[in-house]
């Protein structure tokens, strides 16, 4: 008999014992495909003084059971608290803390994908000196364009002011954009700043709200080294070409030290495919056009 696997969701901030409205469709799909479901209080977990009670409504299990979290992003420290609390109740999160950070922080994931992803430099952010160090490291890009983000997220909807820099050697513009990124990320800044070579990707369309260029990108999910599925990344734009063959990416995935993760890939203008980044599968969003039921059906198969 197959052991029961649970999916852990965030509780609604407005009503106890009800799933967060943003994950209700996934909650229903998980139950329909044979997963058990658990709820915890996300707001408690990320608070300074209530993290110890975030899982108070989860009763200890009689025997060890595997759990997959599907919810909002957590820092490695917050994830560690959740991991340990669940472990004390006989629930084992699919990714240990180190594995979570392996794919959640881009600098940690580079060791798995560096040969198939754009050239990257990074610096932990402490103060203005950190920006100086990062600008110094960015000299390797010469006069070429670059993209900015923190260790996890970009501000790509502020494309022109906090994400894209047309000439990395223009240190005044680079500094201004890094500073703007830090300002926008504010208290949500993840650890440090990343500067990456800009790669010309196959165009889809222009985002209807932000004006950001949308390109041909896909999100792959892997569970227990098996491909769950490949999905169109953007809800806007016409994906005219067939989905890429995933064979080479499945081979790369087998070397990634994580049990559940996402891999974002993109097609360059020359037709070649590159890896944009990895993400922990528990906090990587499902693209809007993805069938939730099909995703959880596939995930159930990969859990066996």
C-alpha atoms as a PDB file:
ATOM      1  CA  UNK A   1       0.000   0.000   0.000  1.00  0.00           C
ATOM      2  CA  UNK A   2       1.326   3.449  -0.931  1.00  0.00           C
ATOM      3  CA  UNK A   3       2.151   5.679   2.030  1.00  0.00           C
ATOM      4  CA  UNK A   4       0.008   8.790   2.368  1.00  0.00           C
ATOM      5  CA  UNK A   5       1.764  11.983   1.254  1.00  0.00           C
ATOM      6  CA  UNK A   6       0.510  15.341   2.518  1.00  0.00           C
ATOM      7  CA  UNK A   7       0.461  18.790   0.938  1.00  0.00           C
ATOM      8  CA  UNK A   8       0.923  21.659   3.387  1.00  0.00           C
ATOM      9  CA  UNK A   9      -0.878  24.895   2.523  1.00  0.00           C
ATOM     10  CA  UNK A  10      -1.090  28.325   4.127  1.00  0.00           C
ATOM     11  CA  UNK A  11      -4.209  29.055   6.128  1.00  0.00           C
ATOM     12  CA  UNK A  12      -6.409  31.969   5.088  1.00  0.00           C
ATOM     13  CA  UNK A  13      -5.359  35.141   6.946  1.00  0.00           C
ATOM     14  CA  UNK A  14      -9.064  35.928   7.329  1.00  0.00           C
ATOM     15  CA  UNK A  15     -10.549  32.599   8.431  1.00  0.00           C
ATOM     16  CA  UNK A  16      -9.039  29.833  10.573  1.00  0.00           C
ATOM     17  CA  UNK A  17      -9.035  26.258   9.210  1.00  0.00           C
ATOM     18  CA  UNK A  18      -9.605  27.502   5.654  1.00  0.00           C
ATOM     19  CA  UNK A  19      -6.975  27.467   2.934  1.00  0.00           C
ATOM     20  CA  UNK A  20      -5.517  30.749   1.696  1.00  0.00           C
ATOM     21  CA  UNK A  21      -7.764  31.866  -1.168  1.00  0.00           C
ATOM     22  CA  UNK A  22      -4.793  32.138  -3.532  1.00  0.00           C
ATOM     23  CA  UNK A  23      -4.149  28.394  -3.167  1.00  0.00           C
ATOM     24  CA  UNK A  24      -7.728  27.142  -3.043  1.00  0.00           C
ATOM     25  CA  UNK A  25      -7.569  25.690  -6.558  1.00  0.00           C
ATOM     26  CA  UNK A  26      -4.391  23.764  -5.682  1.00  0.00           C
ATOM     27  CA  UNK A  27      -5.900  22.615  -2.379  1.00  0.00           C
ATOM     28  CA  UNK A  28      -8.897  21.127  -4.206  1.00  0.00           C
ATOM     29  CA  UNK A  29      -6.717  19.531  -6.893  1.00  0.00           C
ATOM     30  CA  UNK A  30      -4.409  17.970  -4.282  1.00  0.00           C
ATOM     31  CA  UNK A  31      -7.325  16.358  -2.440  1.00  0.00           C
ATOM     32  CA  UNK A  32      -8.893  15.126  -5.681  1.00  0.00           C
ATOM     33  CA  UNK A  33      -5.616  13.395  -6.575  1.00  0.00           C
ATOM     34  CA  UNK A  34      -5.211  11.498  -3.322  1.00  0.00           C
ATOM     35  CA  UNK A  35      -3.008  13.771  -1.216  1.00  0.00           C
ATOM     36  CA  UNK A  36      -3.746  14.501   2.408  1.00  0.00           C
ATOM     37  CA  UNK A  37      -3.837  18.207   3.244  1.00  0.00           C
ATOM     38  CA  UNK A  38      -2.541  20.253   6.178  1.00  0.00           C
ATOM     39  CA  UNK A  39      -2.841  23.942   7.050  1.00  0.00           C
ATOM     40  CA  UNK A  40      -0.561  26.249   9.026  1.00  0.00           C
ATOM     41  CA  UNK A  41      -0.547  29.953   9.819  1.00  0.00           C
ATOM     42  CA  UNK A  42       1.902  31.722   7.506  1.00  0.00           C
ATOM     43  CA  UNK A  43       1.588  35.065   9.295  1.00  0.00           C
ATOM     44  CA  UNK A  44       2.596  33.429  12.586  1.00  0.00           C
ATOM     45  CA  UNK A  45       5.578  31.695  11.000  1.00  0.00           C
ATOM     46  CA  UNK A  46       7.060  34.887   9.523  1.00  0.00           C
ATOM     47  CA  UNK A  47       6.429  37.001  12.632  1.00  0.00           C
ATOM     48  CA  UNK A  48       9.192  37.724  15.141  1.00  0.00           C
ATOM     49  CA  UNK A  49       7.365  36.415  18.186  1.00  0.00           C
ATOM     50  CA  UNK A  50       4.743  33.874  17.043  1.00  0.00           C
ATOM     51  CA  UNK A  51       6.687  31.491  14.800  1.00  0.00           C
ATOM     52  CA  UNK A  52       6.542  28.732  17.430  1.00  0.00           C
ATOM     53  CA  UNK A  53       2.743  28.498  17.163  1.00  0.00           C
ATOM     54  CA  UNK A  54       2.445  28.504  13.365  1.00  0.00           C
ATOM     55  CA  UNK A  55       1.656  24.766  13.235  1.00  0.00           C
ATOM     56  CA  UNK A  56      -0.428  24.645  16.425  1.00  0.00           C
ATOM     57  CA  UNK A  57      -3.487  23.255  14.609  1.00  0.00           C
ATOM     58  CA  UNK A  58      -1.509  20.346  13.113  1.00  0.00           C
ATOM     59  CA  UNK A  59      -1.806  17.283  15.344  1.00  0.00           C
ATOM     60  CA  UNK A  60       1.168  14.925  15.711  1.00  0.00           C
ATOM     61  CA  UNK A  61       1.004  11.960  13.351  1.00  0.00           C
ATOM     62  CA  UNK A  62       1.105   8.361  14.562  1.00  0.00           C
ATOM     63  CA  UNK A  63       4.002   7.495  12.234  1.00  0.00           C
ATOM     64  CA  UNK A  64       6.400   9.438   9.995  1.00  0.00           C
ATOM     65  CA  UNK A  65       4.750  10.888   6.891  1.00  0.00           C
ATOM     66  CA  UNK A  66       6.143  12.858   3.968  1.00  0.00           C
ATOM     67  CA  UNK A  67       4.943  16.422   3.347  1.00  0.00           C
ATOM     68  CA  UNK A  68       5.278  18.840   0.434  1.00  0.00           C
ATOM     69  CA  UNK A  69       4.758  22.529   1.159  1.00  0.00           C
ATOM     70  CA  UNK A  70       2.956  24.627  -1.455  1.00  0.00           C
ATOM     71  CA  UNK A  71       2.793  28.265  -0.472  1.00  0.00           C
ATOM     72  CA  UNK A  72       4.458  31.625  -0.128  1.00  0.00           C
ATOM     73  CA  UNK A  73       8.222  32.065  -0.173  1.00  0.00           C
ATOM     74  CA  UNK A  74      10.135  31.597   3.067  1.00  0.00           C
ATOM     75  CA  UNK A  75      13.643  32.599   4.058  1.00  0.00           C
ATOM     76  CA  UNK A  76      15.908  29.637   4.887  1.00  0.00           C
ATOM     77  CA  UNK A  77      15.575  30.568   8.588  1.00  0.00           C
ATOM     78  CA  UNK A  78      11.760  30.560   8.409  1.00  0.00           C
ATOM     79  CA  UNK A  79      11.843  27.304   6.460  1.00  0.00           C
ATOM     80  CA  UNK A  80      14.084  25.789   9.138  1.00  0.00           C
ATOM     81  CA  UNK A  81      11.554  26.661  11.853  1.00  0.00           C
ATOM     82  CA  UNK A  82       8.751  25.088   9.824  1.00  0.00           C
ATOM     83  CA  UNK A  83      10.847  22.021   9.030  1.00  0.00           C
ATOM     84  CA  UNK A  84      11.718  21.396  12.682  1.00  0.00           C
ATOM     85  CA  UNK A  85       8.186  22.013  13.949  1.00  0.00           C
ATOM     86  CA  UNK A  86       6.763  19.523  11.481  1.00  0.00           C
ATOM     87  CA  UNK A  87       9.503  17.002  12.211  1.00  0.00           C
ATOM     88  CA  UNK A  88       8.560  17.103  15.908  1.00  0.00           C
ATOM     89  CA  UNK A  89       5.044  16.059  14.842  1.00  0.00           C
ATOM     90  CA  UNK A  90       6.190  13.166  12.641  1.00  0.00           C
ATOM     91  CA  UNK A  91       5.859  15.068   9.359  1.00  0.00           C
ATOM     92  CA  UNK A  92       8.916  15.196   7.114  1.00  0.00           C
ATOM     93  CA  UNK A  93       9.157  18.061   4.605  1.00  0.00           C
ATOM     94  CA  UNK A  94      10.355  16.788   1.237  1.00  0.00           C
ATOM     95  CA  UNK A  95      13.410  19.087   1.214  1.00  0.00           C
ATOM     96  CA  UNK A  96      15.815  19.448   4.149  1.00  0.00           C
ATOM     97  CA  UNK A  97      16.877  23.023   4.889  1.00  0.00           C
ATOM     98  CA  UNK A  98      20.120  22.813   2.878  1.00  0.00           C
ATOM     99  CA  UNK A  99      18.241  21.424  -0.128  1.00  0.00           C
ATOM    100  CA  UNK A 100      15.708  24.273   0.137  1.00  0.00           C
ATOM    101  CA  UNK A 101      18.472  26.885  -0.024  1.00  0.00           C
ATOM    102  CA  UNK A 102      20.237  25.002  -2.847  1.00  0.00           C
ATOM    103  CA  UNK A 103      17.494  26.012  -5.249  1.00  0.00           C
ATOM    104  CA  UNK A 104      15.947  29.022  -3.487  1.00  0.00           C
ATOM    105  CA  UNK A 105      19.115  31.166  -3.616  1.00  0.00           C
ATOM    106  CA  UNK A 106      20.560  31.610  -7.107  1.00  0.00           C
ATOM    107  CA  UNK A 107      24.199  31.734  -5.894  1.00  0.00           C
ATOM    108  CA  UNK A 108      23.683  28.342  -4.211  1.00  0.00           C
ATOM    109  CA  UNK A 109      22.196  26.783  -7.354  1.00  0.00           C
ATOM    110  CA  UNK A 110      24.956  27.943  -9.706  1.00  0.00           C
ATOM    111  CA  UNK A 111      27.042  24.871  -8.916  1.00  0.00           C
ATOM    112  CA  UNK A 112      24.381  22.738 -10.626  1.00  0.00           C
ATOM    113  CA  UNK A 113      23.643  24.901 -13.679  1.00  0.00           C
ATOM    114  CA  UNK A 114      26.643  27.206 -14.251  1.00  0.00           C
ATOM    115  CA  UNK A 115      27.482  25.659 -17.650  1.00  0.00           C
ATOM    116  CA  UNK A 116      23.946  26.256 -18.991  1.00  0.00           C
ATOM    117  CA  UNK A 117      23.012  29.618 -17.472  1.00  0.00           C
ATOM    118  CA  UNK A 118      24.117  33.216 -18.161  1.00  0.00           C
ATOM    119  CA  UNK A 119      27.360  34.495 -16.600  1.00  0.00           C
ATOM    120  CA  UNK A 120      26.623  35.669 -13.052  1.00  0.00           C
ATOM    121  CA  UNK A 121      28.285  37.619 -10.237  1.00  0.00           C
ATOM    122  CA  UNK A 122      26.807  38.346  -6.817  1.00  0.00           C
ATOM    123  CA  UNK A 123      27.497  40.019  -3.487  1.00  0.00           C
ATOM    124  CA  UNK A 124      25.836  39.766  -0.086  1.00  0.00           C
ATOM    125  CA  UNK A 125      24.317  43.141   0.758  1.00  0.00           C
ATOM    126  CA  UNK A 126      25.334  44.822   4.014  1.00  0.00           C
ATOM    127  CA  UNK A 127      25.940  48.451   3.136  1.00  0.00           C
ATOM    128  CA  UNK A 128      27.188  50.813   0.421  1.00  0.00           C
ATOM    129  CA  UNK A 129      30.536  48.980   0.341  1.00  0.00           C
ATOM    130  CA  UNK A 130      28.684  45.885  -0.849  1.00  0.00           C
ATOM    131  CA  UNK A 131      27.490  47.829  -3.886  1.00  0.00           C
ATOM    132  CA  UNK A 132      31.073  48.962  -4.555  1.00  0.00           C
ATOM    133  CA  UNK A 133      32.254  45.339  -4.509  1.00  0.00           C
ATOM    134  CA  UNK A 134      29.466  44.237  -6.817  1.00  0.00           C
ATOM    135  CA  UNK A 135      30.184  46.990  -9.330  1.00  0.00           C
ATOM    136  CA  UNK A 136      33.841  45.943  -9.300  1.00  0.00           C
ATOM    137  CA  UNK A 137      32.860  42.328  -9.995  1.00  0.00           C
ATOM    138  CA  UNK A 138      30.546  43.490 -12.785  1.00  0.00           C
ATOM    139  CA  UNK A 139      33.495  44.740 -14.839  1.00  0.00           C
ATOM    140  CA  UNK A 140      33.667  41.239 -16.340  1.00  0.00           C
ATOM    141  CA  UNK A 141      30.588  42.124 -18.438  1.00  0.00           C
ATOM    142  CA  UNK A 142      32.364  44.994 -20.176  1.00  0.00           C
ATOM    143  CA  UNK A 143      29.970  47.203 -22.129  1.00  0.00           C
ATOM    144  CA  UNK A 144      27.366  44.452 -22.444  1.00  0.00           C
ATOM    145  CA  UNK A 145      23.835  44.626 -20.989  1.00  0.00           C
ATOM    146  CA  UNK A 146      23.002  42.980 -17.664  1.00  0.00           C
ATOM    147  CA  UNK A 147      20.014  42.022 -15.513  1.00  0.00           C
ATOM    148  CA  UNK A 148      19.690  42.697 -11.762  1.00  0.00           C
ATOM    149  CA  UNK A 149      17.887  40.757  -9.033  1.00  0.00           C
ATOM    150  CA  UNK A 150      18.353  39.784  -5.410  1.00  0.00           C
ATOM    151  CA  UNK A 151      19.258  36.170  -4.545  1.00  0.00           C
ATOM    152  CA  UNK A 152      15.650  35.101  -5.250  1.00  0.00           C
ATOM    153  CA  UNK A 153      13.558  37.713  -7.033  1.00  0.00           C
ATOM    154  CA  UNK A 154      13.878  40.587  -9.482  1.00  0.00           C
ATOM    155  CA  UNK A 155      11.817  43.716  -9.920  1.00  0.00           C
ATOM    156  CA  UNK A 156      11.252  42.978 -13.590  1.00  0.00           C
ATOM    157  CA  UNK A 157       8.051  45.000 -13.693  1.00  0.00           C
ATOM    158  CA  UNK A 158      10.329  48.000 -13.045  1.00  0.00           C
ATOM    159  CA  UNK A 159      12.359  46.866 -16.022  1.00  0.00           C
ATOM    160  CA  UNK A 160      13.978  50.162 -17.008  1.00  0.00           C
ATOM    161  CA  UNK A 161      14.880  51.428 -13.526  1.00  0.00           C
ATOM    162  CA  UNK A 162      15.657  48.388 -11.361  1.00  0.00           C
ATOM    163  CA  UNK A 163      16.213  45.387 -13.606  1.00  0.00           C
ATOM    164  CA  UNK A 164      17.843  46.058 -16.987  1.00  0.00           C
ATOM    165  CA  UNK A 165      21.073  47.997 -17.491  1.00  0.00           C
ATOM    166  CA  UNK A 166      22.061  48.454 -21.142  1.00  0.00           C
ATOM    167  CA  UNK A 167      25.801  48.940 -20.488  1.00  0.00           C
ATOM    168  CA  UNK A 168      27.427  47.360 -17.442  1.00  0.00           C
ATOM    169  CA  UNK A 169      30.436  49.664 -17.817  1.00  0.00           C
ATOM    170  CA  UNK A 170      28.182  52.663 -17.125  1.00  0.00           C
ATOM    171  CA  UNK A 171      28.846  52.472 -13.399  1.00  0.00           C
ATOM    172  CA  UNK A 172      26.663  55.465 -12.593  1.00  0.00           C
ATOM    173  CA  UNK A 173      23.615  53.847 -14.191  1.00  0.00           C
ATOM    174  CA  UNK A 174      24.502  50.459 -12.709  1.00  0.00           C
ATOM    175  CA  UNK A 175      24.775  51.913  -9.199  1.00  0.00           C
ATOM    176  CA  UNK A 176      21.513  53.819  -9.620  1.00  0.00           C
ATOM    177  CA  UNK A 177      19.675  50.673 -10.740  1.00  0.00           C
ATOM    178  CA  UNK A 178      21.136  48.539  -7.939  1.00  0.00           C
ATOM    179  CA  UNK A 179      20.125  51.196  -5.414  1.00  0.00           C
ATOM    180  CA  UNK A 180      16.612  51.311  -6.872  1.00  0.00           C
ATOM    181  CA  UNK A 181      16.355  47.519  -6.694  1.00  0.00           C
ATOM    182  CA  UNK A 182      17.360  47.565  -3.030  1.00  0.00           C
ATOM    183  CA  UNK A 183      14.825  50.316  -2.365  1.00  0.00           C
ATOM    184  CA  UNK A 184      12.008  48.393  -4.051  1.00  0.00           C
ATOM    185  CA  UNK A 185      12.842  45.077  -2.401  1.00  0.00           C
ATOM    186  CA  UNK A 186      13.159  46.876   0.968  1.00  0.00           C
ATOM    187  CA  UNK A 187      12.597  44.473   3.896  1.00  0.00           C
ATOM    188  CA  UNK A 188      11.966  41.632   1.435  1.00  0.00           C
ATOM    189  CA  UNK A 189      15.487  41.805   0.020  1.00  0.00           C
ATOM    190  CA  UNK A 190      16.850  38.267  -0.113  1.00  0.00           C
ATOM    191  CA  UNK A 191      20.425  38.203   1.214  1.00  0.00           C
ATOM    192  CA  UNK A 192      22.253  39.996  -1.588  1.00  0.00           C
ATOM    193  CA  UNK A 193      22.325  41.269  -5.172  1.00  0.00           C
ATOM    194  CA  UNK A 194      22.969  39.343  -8.390  1.00  0.00           C
ATOM    195  CA  UNK A 195      24.174  40.769 -11.711  1.00  0.00           C
ATOM    196  CA  UNK A 196      23.709  38.531 -14.742  1.00  0.00           C
ATOM    197  CA  UNK A 197      24.587  38.768 -18.410  1.00  0.00           C
ATOM    198  CA  UNK A 198      21.563  39.775 -20.473  1.00  0.00           C
ATOM    199  CA  UNK A 199      20.802  37.164 -23.111  1.00  0.00           C
ATOM    200  CA  UNK A 200      18.585  37.941 -26.102  1.00  0.00           C
ATOM    201  CA  UNK A 201      15.594  35.617 -25.885  1.00  0.00           C
ATOM    202  CA  UNK A 202      12.867  34.762 -28.360  1.00  0.00           C
ATOM    203  CA  UNK A 203      10.180  37.460 -28.135  1.00  0.00           C
ATOM    204  CA  UNK A 204       6.548  36.762 -27.215  1.00  0.00           C
ATOM    205  CA  UNK A 205       4.912  40.123 -26.555  1.00  0.00           C
ATOM    206  CA  UNK A 206       4.985  43.193 -24.322  1.00  0.00           C
ATOM    207  CA  UNK A 207       3.351  42.868 -20.904  1.00  0.00           C
ATOM    208  CA  UNK A 208       0.007  44.658 -20.991  1.00  0.00           C
ATOM    209  CA  UNK A 209       0.533  46.425 -17.644  1.00  0.00           C
ATOM    210  CA  UNK A 210       4.246  46.906 -17.010  1.00  0.00           C
ATOM    211  CA  UNK A 211       5.531  47.220 -20.571  1.00  0.00           C
ATOM    212  CA  UNK A 212       8.146  44.571 -19.795  1.00  0.00           C
ATOM    213  CA  UNK A 213       9.213  42.439 -22.781  1.00  0.00           C
ATOM    214  CA  UNK A 214       7.932  38.867 -22.423  1.00  0.00           C
ATOM    215  CA  UNK A 215      10.025  36.098 -23.923  1.00  0.00           C
ATOM    216  CA  UNK A 216       9.641  32.391 -24.638  1.00  0.00           C
ATOM    217  CA  UNK A 217      10.141  30.833 -21.228  1.00  0.00           C
ATOM    218  CA  UNK A 218       9.017  27.598 -19.604  1.00  0.00           C
ATOM    219  CA  UNK A 219       8.846  26.292 -16.045  1.00  0.00           C
ATOM    220  CA  UNK A 220       9.709  22.661 -15.374  1.00  0.00           C
ATOM    221  CA  UNK A 221       9.027  20.876 -12.088  1.00  0.00           C
ATOM    222  CA  UNK A 222      11.015  17.874 -10.866  1.00  0.00           C
ATOM    223  CA  UNK A 223      10.122  15.584  -7.957  1.00  0.00           C
ATOM    224  CA  UNK A 224      12.402  12.753  -6.835  1.00  0.00           C
ATOM    225  CA  UNK A 225      14.527  13.362  -9.967  1.00  0.00           C
ATOM    226  CA  UNK A 226      11.517  12.776 -12.235  1.00  0.00           C
ATOM    227  CA  UNK A 227       9.922  15.386 -14.507  1.00  0.00           C
ATOM    228  CA  UNK A 228       6.500  16.394 -13.261  1.00  0.00           C
ATOM    229  CA  UNK A 229       5.809  18.584 -16.287  1.00  0.00           C
ATOM    230  CA  UNK A 230       6.818  21.521 -18.486  1.00  0.00           C
ATOM    231  CA  UNK A 231       4.563  24.578 -18.591  1.00  0.00           C
ATOM    232  CA  UNK A 232       4.364  27.884 -20.489  1.00  0.00           C
ATOM    233  CA  UNK A 233       5.720  30.544 -18.122  1.00  0.00           C
ATOM    234  CA  UNK A 234       3.667  33.546 -19.222  1.00  0.00           C
ATOM    235  CA  UNK A 235      -0.100  33.842 -19.486  1.00  0.00           C
ATOM    236  CA  UNK A 236       0.256  36.492 -22.208  1.00  0.00           C
ATOM    237  CA  UNK A 237       1.776  35.988 -25.635  1.00  0.00           C
ATOM    238  CA  UNK A 238       1.467  33.308 -28.283  1.00  0.00           C
ATOM    239  CA  UNK A 239       3.683  30.275 -27.731  1.00  0.00           C
ATOM    240  CA  UNK A 240       3.870  29.351 -31.418  1.00  0.00           C
ATOM    241  CA  UNK A 241       6.598  26.704 -31.151  1.00  0.00           C
ATOM    242  CA  UNK A 242       6.217  23.229 -29.685  1.00  0.00           C
ATOM    243  CA  UNK A 243       7.425  22.794 -26.121  1.00  0.00           C
ATOM    244  CA  UNK A 244      11.168  22.041 -25.990  1.00  0.00           C
ATOM    245  CA  UNK A 245      12.531  18.536 -25.654  1.00  0.00           C
ATOM    246  CA  UNK A 246      13.409  18.112 -21.961  1.00  0.00           C
ATOM    247  CA  UNK A 247      15.920  15.247 -22.203  1.00  0.00           C
ATOM    248  CA  UNK A 248      19.030  17.338 -21.498  1.00  0.00           C
ATOM    249  CA  UNK A 249      17.324  19.191 -18.650  1.00  0.00           C
ATOM    250  CA  UNK A 250      16.178  15.939 -17.071  1.00  0.00           C
ATOM    251  CA  UNK A 251      19.833  14.828 -17.108  1.00  0.00           C
ATOM    252  CA  UNK A 252      20.919  18.073 -15.395  1.00  0.00           C
ATOM    253  CA  UNK A 253      18.093  17.695 -12.859  1.00  0.00           C
ATOM    254  CA  UNK A 254      19.516  14.383 -11.678  1.00  0.00           C
ATOM    255  CA  UNK A 255      22.582  16.238 -10.341  1.00  0.00           C
ATOM    256  CA  UNK A 256      20.579  18.860  -8.416  1.00  0.00           C
ATOM    257  CA  UNK A 257      20.639  18.259  -4.673  1.00  0.00           C
ATOM    258  CA  UNK A 258      16.930  18.716  -4.048  1.00  0.00           C
ATOM    259  CA  UNK A 259      13.942  16.376  -3.987  1.00  0.00           C
ATOM    260  CA  UNK A 260      11.450  18.906  -5.366  1.00  0.00           C
ATOM    261  CA  UNK A 261      12.416  21.932  -7.436  1.00  0.00           C
ATOM    262  CA  UNK A 262      11.540  24.047 -10.454  1.00  0.00           C
ATOM    263  CA  UNK A 263      13.757  24.879 -13.413  1.00  0.00           C
ATOM    264  CA  UNK A 264      13.028  27.888 -15.626  1.00  0.00           C
ATOM    265  CA  UNK A 265      14.359  27.617 -19.160  1.00  0.00           C
ATOM    266  CA  UNK A 266      14.162  29.940 -22.166  1.00  0.00           C
ATOM    267  CA  UNK A 267      14.765  29.873 -25.903  1.00  0.00           C
ATOM    268  CA  UNK A 268      17.361  32.322 -27.200  1.00  0.00           C
ATOM    269  CA  UNK A 269      16.908  34.187 -30.481  1.00  0.00           C
ATOM    270  CA  UNK A 270      19.408  31.781 -32.057  1.00  0.00           C
ATOM    271  CA  UNK A 271      17.187  28.858 -31.073  1.00  0.00           C
ATOM    272  CA  UNK A 272      19.401  27.485 -28.299  1.00  0.00           C
ATOM    273  CA  UNK A 273      17.885  26.806 -24.879  1.00  0.00           C
ATOM    274  CA  UNK A 274      19.354  28.056 -21.598  1.00  0.00           C
ATOM    275  CA  UNK A 275      18.509  27.653 -17.932  1.00  0.00           C
ATOM    276  CA  UNK A 276      17.405  30.900 -16.336  1.00  0.00           C
ATOM    277  CA  UNK A 277      17.324  29.656 -12.736  1.00  0.00           C
ATOM    278  CA  UNK A 278      16.206  26.981 -10.310  1.00  0.00           C
ATOM    279  CA  UNK A 279      13.649  27.400  -7.544  1.00  0.00           C
ATOM    280  CA  UNK A 280      12.493  25.308  -4.628  1.00  0.00           C
ATOM    281  CA  UNK A 281       9.415  23.493  -5.901  1.00  0.00           C
ATOM    282  CA  UNK A 282       7.477  24.207  -2.738  1.00  0.00           C
ATOM    283  CA  UNK A 283       7.460  27.985  -3.268  1.00  0.00           C
ATOM    284  CA  UNK A 284       7.668  28.173  -7.073  1.00  0.00           C
ATOM    285  CA  UNK A 285       4.371  29.354  -8.498  1.00  0.00           C
ATOM    286  CA  UNK A 286       2.384  27.327 -10.996  1.00  0.00           C
ATOM    287  CA  UNK A 287       2.060  29.334 -14.227  1.00  0.00           C
ATOM    288  CA  UNK A 288      -1.481  30.641 -14.668  1.00  0.00           C
ATOM    289  CA  UNK A 289      -2.395  28.447 -17.639  1.00  0.00           C
ATOM    290  CA  UNK A 290      -1.346  25.232 -15.858  1.00  0.00           C
ATOM    291  CA  UNK A 291      -4.063  22.684 -15.112  1.00  0.00           C
ATOM    292  CA  UNK A 292      -3.927  22.268 -11.334  1.00  0.00           C
ATOM    293  CA  UNK A 293      -5.535  18.841 -11.507  1.00  0.00           C
ATOM    294  CA  UNK A 294      -3.050  17.575 -14.090  1.00  0.00           C
ATOM    295  CA  UNK A 295      -0.130  18.942 -12.072  1.00  0.00           C
ATOM    296  CA  UNK A 296      -1.166  17.154  -8.862  1.00  0.00           C
ATOM    297  CA  UNK A 297      -1.939  13.958 -10.767  1.00  0.00           C
ATOM    298  CA  UNK A 298       1.603  13.990 -12.138  1.00  0.00           C
ATOM    299  CA  UNK A 299       3.068  14.940  -8.761  1.00  0.00           C
ATOM    300  CA  UNK A 300       1.293  11.987  -7.128  1.00  0.00           C
ATOM    301  CA  UNK A 301       2.891   9.623  -9.669  1.00  0.00           C
ATOM    302  CA  UNK A 302       6.360  11.098  -9.001  1.00  0.00           C
ATOM    303  CA  UNK A 303       5.894  10.658  -5.228  1.00  0.00           C
ATOM    304  CA  UNK A 304       5.455   6.895  -5.542  1.00  0.00           C
END
